[in-house]
Protein backbone atom coordinates (compact mmCIF):
# COMPACT_ATOMS: atom_id res chain seq x y z
CA MET A 1 10.67 4.99 -10.59
CA GLY A 2 9.70 7.56 -13.16
CA TYR A 3 8.13 10.99 -13.05
CA THR A 4 5.93 12.57 -15.73
CA ASP A 5 5.94 16.29 -16.50
CA THR A 6 2.27 17.27 -16.68
CA THR A 7 2.75 21.01 -17.25
CA GLY A 8 2.10 20.86 -20.98
CA VAL A 9 -1.15 18.95 -20.66
CA TYR A 10 -2.62 20.79 -17.68
CA ILE A 11 -5.18 22.80 -19.67
CA GLY A 12 -6.25 19.77 -21.70
CA ALA A 13 -6.63 17.71 -18.53
CA GLN A 14 -8.76 20.44 -16.96
CA GLU A 15 -11.05 20.44 -20.00
CA ASP A 16 -11.36 16.66 -19.86
CA ARG A 17 -12.34 16.81 -16.19
CA LEU A 18 -14.94 19.50 -16.88
CA ALA A 19 -16.38 17.46 -19.75
CA ALA A 20 -16.46 14.34 -17.61
CA SER A 21 -18.34 16.18 -14.85
CA ASN A 22 -21.19 16.88 -17.28
CA THR A 23 -21.39 13.33 -18.60
CA PRO A 24 -23.96 10.94 -17.05
CA THR A 25 -22.32 8.04 -15.28
CA SER A 26 -23.50 4.46 -15.10
CA LYS A 27 -23.15 2.20 -12.10
CA ALA A 28 -21.02 -0.86 -12.58
CA SER A 29 -22.66 -2.78 -9.74
CA LEU A 30 -25.90 -2.92 -7.72
CA GLY A 31 -26.06 -1.39 -4.27
CA GLN A 32 -28.15 -2.23 -1.23
CA ALA A 33 -31.06 0.00 -2.31
CA ASP A 34 -31.13 -1.69 -5.72
CA PHE A 35 -31.22 -5.10 -4.07
CA LEU A 36 -34.22 -4.13 -1.91
CA THR A 37 -36.01 -2.59 -4.91
CA LEU A 38 -35.59 -5.81 -6.89
CA LEU A 39 -36.79 -7.91 -3.96
CA VAL A 40 -39.92 -5.78 -3.46
CA ALA A 41 -40.64 -5.86 -7.20
CA GLN A 42 -40.28 -9.64 -7.18
CA LEU A 43 -42.75 -9.94 -4.30
CA THR A 44 -45.21 -7.51 -5.93
CA HIS A 45 -45.26 -9.28 -9.29
CA GLN A 46 -45.05 -12.87 -8.12
CA ASP A 47 -47.59 -15.43 -9.28
CA PRO A 48 -50.35 -15.63 -6.61
CA LEU A 49 -50.77 -19.32 -7.42
CA ASN A 50 -47.05 -19.93 -6.98
CA PRO A 51 -45.77 -17.43 -4.40
CA MET A 52 -42.19 -17.24 -3.19
CA GLN A 53 -41.47 -19.86 -0.58
CA ASP A 54 -40.33 -18.88 2.91
CA THR A 55 -37.03 -20.62 2.31
CA ASP A 56 -36.45 -18.55 -0.84
CA MET A 57 -37.22 -15.34 1.05
CA THR A 58 -34.88 -16.33 3.87
CA SER A 59 -32.14 -17.19 1.36
CA GLN A 60 -32.39 -13.83 -0.40
CA LEU A 61 -32.45 -11.90 2.86
CA ALA A 62 -29.37 -13.83 3.97
CA GLN A 63 -27.63 -12.88 0.71
CA PHE A 64 -28.56 -9.26 1.29
CA SER A 65 -27.16 -9.39 4.83
CA SER A 66 -23.93 -10.97 3.57
CA LEU A 67 -23.63 -8.31 0.87
CA GLU A 68 -24.04 -5.56 3.45
CA GLN A 69 -21.41 -7.06 5.76
CA LEU A 70 -18.92 -7.58 2.91
CA THR A 71 -19.41 -3.98 1.82
CA LYS A 72 -18.68 -2.73 5.33
CA ILE A 73 -15.62 -4.97 5.61
CA ASN A 74 -14.30 -3.74 2.26
CA ASP A 75 -14.81 -0.10 3.26
CA GLY A 76 -13.07 -0.79 6.56
CA VAL A 77 -10.07 -2.42 4.87
CA GLN A 78 -9.73 0.49 2.44
CA SER A 79 -9.83 2.98 5.30
CA LEU A 80 -7.25 0.95 7.23
CA ASN A 81 -4.95 0.84 4.20
CA THR A 82 -5.22 4.61 3.83
CA VAL A 83 -4.40 5.19 7.49
CA MET A 84 -1.47 2.74 7.39
CA GLY A 85 -0.13 4.38 4.22
CA LYS A 86 -0.16 7.80 5.90
CA SER A 87 1.43 6.34 9.01
CA ASP A 88 4.24 4.77 6.92
CA LEU A 89 4.80 8.09 5.13
CA LEU A 90 5.14 9.95 8.43
CA SER A 91 7.46 7.27 9.79
CA ALA A 92 9.60 7.35 6.64
CA ALA A 93 9.80 11.16 6.78
CA SER A 94 11.44 10.92 10.21
CA TYR A 95 14.50 9.36 8.46
CA ILE A 96 15.26 12.51 6.44
CA GLY A 97 18.73 13.79 7.28
CA LYS A 98 19.74 10.54 8.99
CA ASP A 99 22.35 7.97 7.96
CA ILE A 100 20.87 4.53 7.45
CA LYS A 101 21.90 1.01 6.55
CA ALA A 102 19.47 -1.02 4.45
CA GLU A 103 19.19 -4.18 2.40
CA GLY A 104 20.46 -3.47 -1.09
CA TYR A 105 23.11 -4.16 -3.71
CA LYS A 106 23.57 -0.83 -5.52
CA ILE A 107 26.53 1.48 -4.97
CA SER A 108 27.13 4.92 -6.38
CA VAL A 109 30.25 6.46 -7.91
CA ALA A 110 30.95 10.20 -7.99
CA GLU A 111 34.27 11.58 -9.24
CA GLY A 112 35.93 8.21 -8.70
CA ASN A 113 34.68 7.87 -5.14
CA ALA A 114 32.41 4.86 -4.58
CA SER A 115 29.98 4.23 -1.74
CA THR A 116 30.45 1.25 0.55
CA ILE A 117 28.86 -2.19 0.19
CA TYR A 118 28.41 -4.40 3.26
CA TYR A 119 28.24 -8.18 3.00
CA GLY A 120 28.04 -11.06 5.41
CA PHE A 121 28.03 -14.86 5.75
CA GLY A 122 26.47 -17.20 8.25
CA GLU A 123 29.33 -19.66 7.80
CA SER A 124 32.97 -19.69 6.75
CA VAL A 125 33.74 -19.39 3.04
CA THR A 126 36.89 -20.35 1.15
CA GLU A 127 36.24 -18.32 -2.02
CA ILE A 128 34.52 -14.98 -2.53
CA PHE A 129 34.05 -13.26 -5.86
CA MET A 130 32.47 -9.85 -6.34
CA ASN A 131 31.13 -8.70 -9.70
CA ILE A 132 30.35 -5.04 -10.31
CA TYR A 133 27.80 -4.30 -13.04
CA ASP A 134 26.95 -1.14 -14.95
CA SER A 135 23.41 0.02 -15.71
CA GLU A 136 23.29 -2.25 -18.78
CA GLY A 137 24.14 -5.36 -16.75
CA ALA A 138 27.66 -5.69 -18.13
CA ILE A 139 30.46 -6.66 -15.72
CA VAL A 140 32.95 -3.81 -15.37
CA ARG A 141 35.05 -5.34 -12.62
CA THR A 142 35.52 -8.70 -10.88
CA VAL A 143 37.25 -8.76 -7.50
CA GLU A 144 38.53 -11.80 -5.61
CA LEU A 145 38.11 -11.31 -1.86
CA GLY A 146 39.76 -14.55 -0.70
CA SER A 147 38.43 -16.58 2.23
CA LYS A 148 36.45 -15.27 5.21
CA GLU A 149 35.16 -16.49 8.51
CA ALA A 150 31.46 -16.12 9.29
CA GLY A 151 30.73 -12.46 9.97
CA THR A 152 30.01 -9.07 8.40
CA TYR A 153 32.44 -7.17 6.16
CA GLN A 154 32.58 -3.95 4.18
CA TYR A 155 34.11 -3.19 0.82
CA LYS A 156 34.88 0.09 -0.93
CA TRP A 157 35.51 -0.09 -4.67
CA ASP A 158 38.19 2.16 -6.17
CA GLY A 159 35.88 3.08 -9.06
CA ARG A 160 38.06 1.53 -11.76
CA ASP A 161 37.30 -1.09 -14.41
CA GLU A 162 39.36 -4.17 -15.32
CA SER A 163 41.71 -1.98 -17.41
CA GLY A 164 42.34 0.40 -14.54
CA ASN A 165 40.29 3.24 -16.00
CA LEU A 166 37.95 5.29 -13.84
CA VAL A 167 34.34 4.47 -14.63
CA ASP A 168 31.65 7.07 -15.28
CA ASP A 169 29.73 8.52 -12.37
CA GLY A 170 26.45 6.75 -11.66
CA THR A 171 24.90 3.76 -9.94
CA TYR A 172 26.36 0.26 -10.19
CA GLY A 173 25.11 -3.13 -9.06
CA VAL A 174 27.10 -5.58 -6.93
CA GLY A 175 26.81 -9.36 -6.99
CA ILE A 176 28.79 -11.48 -4.53
CA LEU A 177 29.31 -15.23 -4.72
CA GLY A 178 30.73 -17.24 -1.84
CA LYS A 179 31.73 -20.92 -1.81
CA ASP A 180 32.50 -23.24 1.08
CA ALA A 181 35.29 -25.84 1.23
CA GLY A 182 33.16 -28.31 -0.72
CA GLY A 183 32.50 -25.84 -3.53
CA LYS A 184 28.89 -25.32 -2.47
CA ALA A 185 27.45 -21.82 -2.90
CA VAL A 186 27.00 -19.87 0.33
CA MET A 187 24.25 -17.28 0.74
CA VAL A 188 25.58 -13.73 0.87
CA GLN A 189 23.60 -10.86 2.39
CA THR A 190 24.39 -7.36 1.11
CA GLU A 191 23.54 -3.97 2.55
CA ILE A 192 24.18 -0.36 1.57
CA SER A 193 24.36 2.88 3.51
CA GLY A 194 23.75 6.56 2.87
CA THR A 195 22.09 9.75 4.05
CA VAL A 196 18.36 10.17 3.41
CA ASP A 197 17.31 13.45 1.81
CA ALA A 198 13.73 12.74 0.67
CA VAL A 199 10.79 10.33 0.85
CA VAL A 200 8.92 9.24 -2.28
CA ASN A 201 5.53 7.50 -2.32
CA GLU A 202 5.29 5.10 -5.26
CA SER A 203 2.03 3.12 -5.57
CA GLY A 204 1.55 3.05 -1.81
CA THR A 205 5.14 2.04 -1.03
CA GLN A 206 7.48 4.50 0.68
CA TYR A 207 10.97 4.85 -0.76
CA LEU A 208 13.86 6.74 0.81
CA ARG A 209 15.98 8.72 -1.61
CA LEU A 210 19.62 8.96 -0.62
CA LYS A 211 21.75 12.02 -1.29
CA ASP A 212 23.60 10.23 -4.10
CA GLY A 213 20.33 9.49 -5.93
CA ARG A 214 19.84 5.86 -4.95
CA PHE A 215 16.48 4.64 -3.66
CA VAL A 216 15.78 2.07 -0.95
CA SER A 217 12.45 0.77 0.27
CA PHE A 218 11.47 2.05 3.70
CA LEU A 219 10.74 -1.57 4.65
CA ASN A 220 14.34 -2.58 3.87
CA VAL A 221 15.94 -0.23 6.41
CA LYS A 222 17.94 -2.19 8.97
CA GLU A 223 19.24 0.53 11.24
CA ILE A 224 20.05 4.19 11.75
CA VAL A 225 23.82 4.40 12.10
CA ASP A 226 26.54 6.74 13.29
CA PRO A 227 27.88 8.58 10.19
CA GLY A 228 31.42 7.65 11.22
CA SER A 229 30.64 3.94 10.98
CA THR A 230 29.06 4.02 7.50
CA SER A 231 32.03 5.28 5.47
CA VAL A 232 35.51 3.97 4.64
CA THR A 233 38.42 6.34 4.18
CA ASP A 234 39.45 6.57 0.51
CA ASP A 235 43.09 5.55 0.92
CA SER A 236 45.00 4.60 -2.25
CA ASP A 237 47.25 2.28 -0.23
CA THR A 238 44.25 0.21 0.94
CA THR A 239 42.13 0.50 -2.19
CA ASP A 240 40.14 -2.61 -3.05
CA GLU A 241 40.62 -4.18 0.35
CA ALA A 242 37.79 -5.60 2.39
CA GLU A 243 37.62 -4.72 6.07
CA GLU A 244 35.90 -6.72 8.78
CA THR A 245 33.24 -4.75 10.67
CA GLY A 246 32.23 -7.41 13.17
CA ALA A 247 31.24 -11.02 13.54
């Protein structure tokens, strides 16, 4: 999601708009009035010895009626989309200042403190591996989480790579693989949490910006949660341990 600084081109853009306002425009399609004009012209200049048949007239009038109805439907859909977009924006804005949990796989690291990732299984798993990726897609850490019963769990990374060094602050991706007793891959659902501090509209989709800079789609929000239940105490004695949050 990028932003463009338009300050330097403001004057040029204003000039372009002024020039465009004085330039004749051409229509890319025919409207209802144009259709009627063509129909009247066709009737006026038709061959008296071979006039338009009633069926032809009926067919063209039917086409005109269909065109009019489709135009109204299209205008109605556009208006509905606009209203729904504004409604979604207002709904998303109500999340500002609240702690949420949403579908996602990105965690943030600031001064060695990582945010929490939540993961769950619909069945028991015998092996769980978690890979943590940097912004370039390279694996910086692989963690074995052992076996788990079906349920939901949370994990808080200690912010260190395979060599034990603290990683740079930023956003990291998490990929979790689970396997059952037969070695078959088990689907893993991941969620993230954080406090919303802004709403961003990107091409009609509302995104919630979290305080740590991550973005989540408004549509991916699962719940508004108690702040006390969305964080894990950073305890060096329990670092890199997964905790069960419920079945």
